Amino acid sequence: MWYYLSSLLTLLRQTRNGYVCFGLLLHKKPVVIKLKNGCQFKVRSLMDVWIVKETCLDRDYESNATPIQDGWTIIDIGAGLGDFAISVAY
């Protein structure tokens, strides 16, 4: 339970418009999340929101790996939103 509450706080603190995520509960129209670092993601569901949060805000992909260095070439071969590739490009 604490994880989900802290995740909501993370979304509200580290986005310019985190409140739009609550609209996904009321209607199924995609919304655009704007991160404070300038990245923007069109999300279609709460699962998309969670993926952006864990990848871009929590940086889960980097927590147990070598930190990304400037000048590296990153190839994102996933089947998701492209959030990892966009976040490391910033």
C-alpha atoms as a PDB file:
ATOM      1  CA  MET A   1       0.000   0.000   0.000  1.00  0.00           C
ATOM      2  CA  TRP A   2       2.820   2.421   0.909  1.00  0.00           C
ATOM      3  CA  TYR A   3       4.452   1.854  -2.480  1.00  0.00           C
ATOM      4  CA  TYR A   4       1.330   3.011  -4.319  1.00  0.00           C
ATOM      5  CA  LEU A   5       0.853   6.083  -2.129  1.00  0.00           C
ATOM      6  CA  SER A   6       4.485   7.098  -2.499  1.00  0.00           C
ATOM      7  CA  SER A   7       4.200   6.502  -6.250  1.00  0.00           C
ATOM      8  CA  LEU A   8       1.299   8.947  -6.458  1.00  0.00           C
ATOM      9  CA  LEU A   9       3.371  11.539  -4.614  1.00  0.00           C
ATOM     10  CA  THR A  10       6.270  10.938  -7.013  1.00  0.00           C
ATOM     11  CA  LEU A  11       3.986  11.485 -10.008  1.00  0.00           C
ATOM     12  CA  LEU A  12       2.577  14.696  -8.568  1.00  0.00           C
ATOM     13  CA  ARG A  13       5.995  16.089  -7.583  1.00  0.00           C
ATOM     14  CA  GLN A  14       7.965  15.165 -10.701  1.00  0.00           C
ATOM     15  CA  THR A  15       5.440  16.038 -13.389  1.00  0.00           C
ATOM     16  CA  ARG A  16       4.060  19.353 -14.540  1.00  0.00           C
ATOM     17  CA  ASN A  17       0.544  17.953 -14.878  1.00  0.00           C
ATOM     18  CA  GLY A  18       0.341  14.697 -12.903  1.00  0.00           C
ATOM     19  CA  TYR A  19      -3.285  15.423 -12.090  1.00  0.00           C
ATOM     20  CA  VAL A  20      -4.256  14.417 -15.659  1.00  0.00           C
ATOM     21  CA  CYS A  21      -3.585  10.789 -14.699  1.00  0.00           C
ATOM     22  CA  PHE A  22      -6.704  10.834 -12.549  1.00  0.00           C
ATOM     23  CA  GLY A  23      -8.709  11.489 -15.706  1.00  0.00           C
ATOM     24  CA  LEU A  24      -7.810   7.995 -16.894  1.00  0.00           C
ATOM     25  CA  LEU A  25      -9.958   6.658 -14.061  1.00  0.00           C
ATOM     26  CA  LEU A  26     -13.005   8.531 -15.362  1.00  0.00           C
ATOM     27  CA  HIS A  27     -12.634   8.130 -19.118  1.00  0.00           C
ATOM     28  CA  LYS A  28     -10.494   6.059 -21.426  1.00  0.00           C
ATOM     29  CA  LYS A  29      -9.126   8.885 -23.595  1.00  0.00           C
ATOM     30  CA  PRO A  30      -5.318   9.137 -23.803  1.00  0.00           C
ATOM     31  CA  VAL A  31      -3.622  11.987 -21.952  1.00  0.00           C
ATOM     32  CA  VAL A  32      -0.161  13.547 -22.195  1.00  0.00           C
ATOM     33  CA  ILE A  33       2.056  13.452 -19.114  1.00  0.00           C
ATOM     34  CA  LYS A  34       4.648  16.240 -19.010  1.00  0.00           C
ATOM     35  CA  LEU A  35       7.709  15.499 -16.902  1.00  0.00           C
ATOM     36  CA  LYS A  36       9.579  18.370 -15.290  1.00  0.00           C
ATOM     37  CA  ASN A  37      12.691  17.541 -17.341  1.00  0.00           C
ATOM     38  CA  GLY A  38      10.784  18.313 -20.559  1.00  0.00           C
ATOM     39  CA  CYS A  39       9.860  14.778 -21.665  1.00  0.00           C
ATOM     40  CA  GLN A  40       6.254  14.215 -22.701  1.00  0.00           C
ATOM     41  CA  PHE A  41       4.448  10.898 -23.045  1.00  0.00           C
ATOM     42  CA  LYS A  42       1.023  10.099 -24.436  1.00  0.00           C
ATOM     43  CA  VAL A  43      -0.408   7.454 -22.113  1.00  0.00           C
ATOM     44  CA  ARG A  44      -3.480   5.344 -22.737  1.00  0.00           C
ATOM     45  CA  SER A  45      -3.933   3.651 -19.381  1.00  0.00           C
ATOM     46  CA  LEU A  46      -2.841   3.710 -15.764  1.00  0.00           C
ATOM     47  CA  MET A  47      -0.394   0.920 -16.634  1.00  0.00           C
ATOM     48  CA  ASP A  48       1.298   3.261 -19.132  1.00  0.00           C
ATOM     49  CA  VAL A  49       1.525   5.893 -16.380  1.00  0.00           C
ATOM     50  CA  TRP A  50       3.154   3.372 -14.034  1.00  0.00           C
ATOM     51  CA  ILE A  51       5.652   2.320 -16.696  1.00  0.00           C
ATOM     52  CA  VAL A  52       6.690   5.949 -17.291  1.00  0.00           C
ATOM     53  CA  LYS A  53       6.972   6.499 -13.534  1.00  0.00           C
ATOM     54  CA  GLU A  54       9.157   3.449 -12.935  1.00  0.00           C
ATOM     55  CA  THR A  55      11.324   3.967 -16.022  1.00  0.00           C
ATOM     56  CA  CYS A  56      11.756   7.744 -16.136  1.00  0.00           C
ATOM     57  CA  LEU A  57      11.152   8.986 -12.605  1.00  0.00           C
ATOM     58  CA  ASP A  58      12.387   6.043 -10.512  1.00  0.00           C
ATOM     59  CA  ARG A  59      14.985   5.079 -13.170  1.00  0.00           C
ATOM     60  CA  ASP A  60      14.435   1.387 -12.389  1.00  0.00           C
ATOM     61  CA  TYR A  61      16.352   0.218 -15.463  1.00  0.00           C
ATOM     62  CA  GLU A  62      19.484   1.920 -14.172  1.00  0.00           C
ATOM     63  CA  SER A  63      19.229   0.980 -10.486  1.00  0.00           C
ATOM     64  CA  ASN A  64      21.068  -2.343 -10.840  1.00  0.00           C
ATOM     65  CA  ALA A  65      23.174  -1.538 -13.875  1.00  0.00           C
ATOM     66  CA  THR A  66      25.962   0.733 -14.992  1.00  0.00           C
ATOM     67  CA  PRO A  67      24.790   4.364 -15.034  1.00  0.00           C
ATOM     68  CA  ILE A  68      24.232   5.757 -18.525  1.00  0.00           C
ATOM     69  CA  GLN A  69      27.111   8.023 -19.607  1.00  0.00           C
ATOM     70  CA  ASP A  70      27.025  11.053 -21.927  1.00  0.00           C
ATOM     71  CA  GLY A  71      27.929  10.108 -25.486  1.00  0.00           C
ATOM     72  CA  TRP A  72      26.760   6.494 -25.250  1.00  0.00           C
ATOM     73  CA  THR A  73      24.560   5.050 -27.982  1.00  0.00           C
ATOM     74  CA  ILE A  74      21.459   3.421 -26.521  1.00  0.00           C
ATOM     75  CA  ILE A  75      19.338   0.979 -28.514  1.00  0.00           C
ATOM     76  CA  ASP A  76      15.913   0.377 -26.974  1.00  0.00           C
ATOM     77  CA  ILE A  77      14.513  -2.848 -28.459  1.00  0.00           C
ATOM     78  CA  GLY A  78      11.511  -3.110 -26.162  1.00  0.00           C
ATOM     79  CA  ALA A  79       7.901  -3.164 -27.237  1.00  0.00           C
ATOM     80  CA  GLY A  80       6.708  -0.393 -24.954  1.00  0.00           C
ATOM     81  CA  LEU A  81       6.244   3.351 -25.233  1.00  0.00           C
ATOM     82  CA  GLY A  82       9.879   4.150 -25.980  1.00  0.00           C
ATOM     83  CA  ASP A  83      10.051   5.815 -22.589  1.00  0.00           C
ATOM     84  CA  PHE A  84      13.495   4.485 -21.732  1.00  0.00           C
ATOM     85  CA  ALA A  85      15.053   5.703 -24.986  1.00  0.00           C
ATOM     86  CA  ILE A  86      13.434   9.119 -24.601  1.00  0.00           C
ATOM     87  CA  SER A  87      14.440   9.471 -20.950  1.00  0.00           C
ATOM     88  CA  VAL A  88      18.119   8.682 -21.582  1.00  0.00           C
ATOM     89  CA  ALA A  89      18.139  11.040 -24.572  1.00  0.00           C
ATOM     90  CA  TYR A  90      17.331  13.866 -22.167  1.00  0.00           C
END
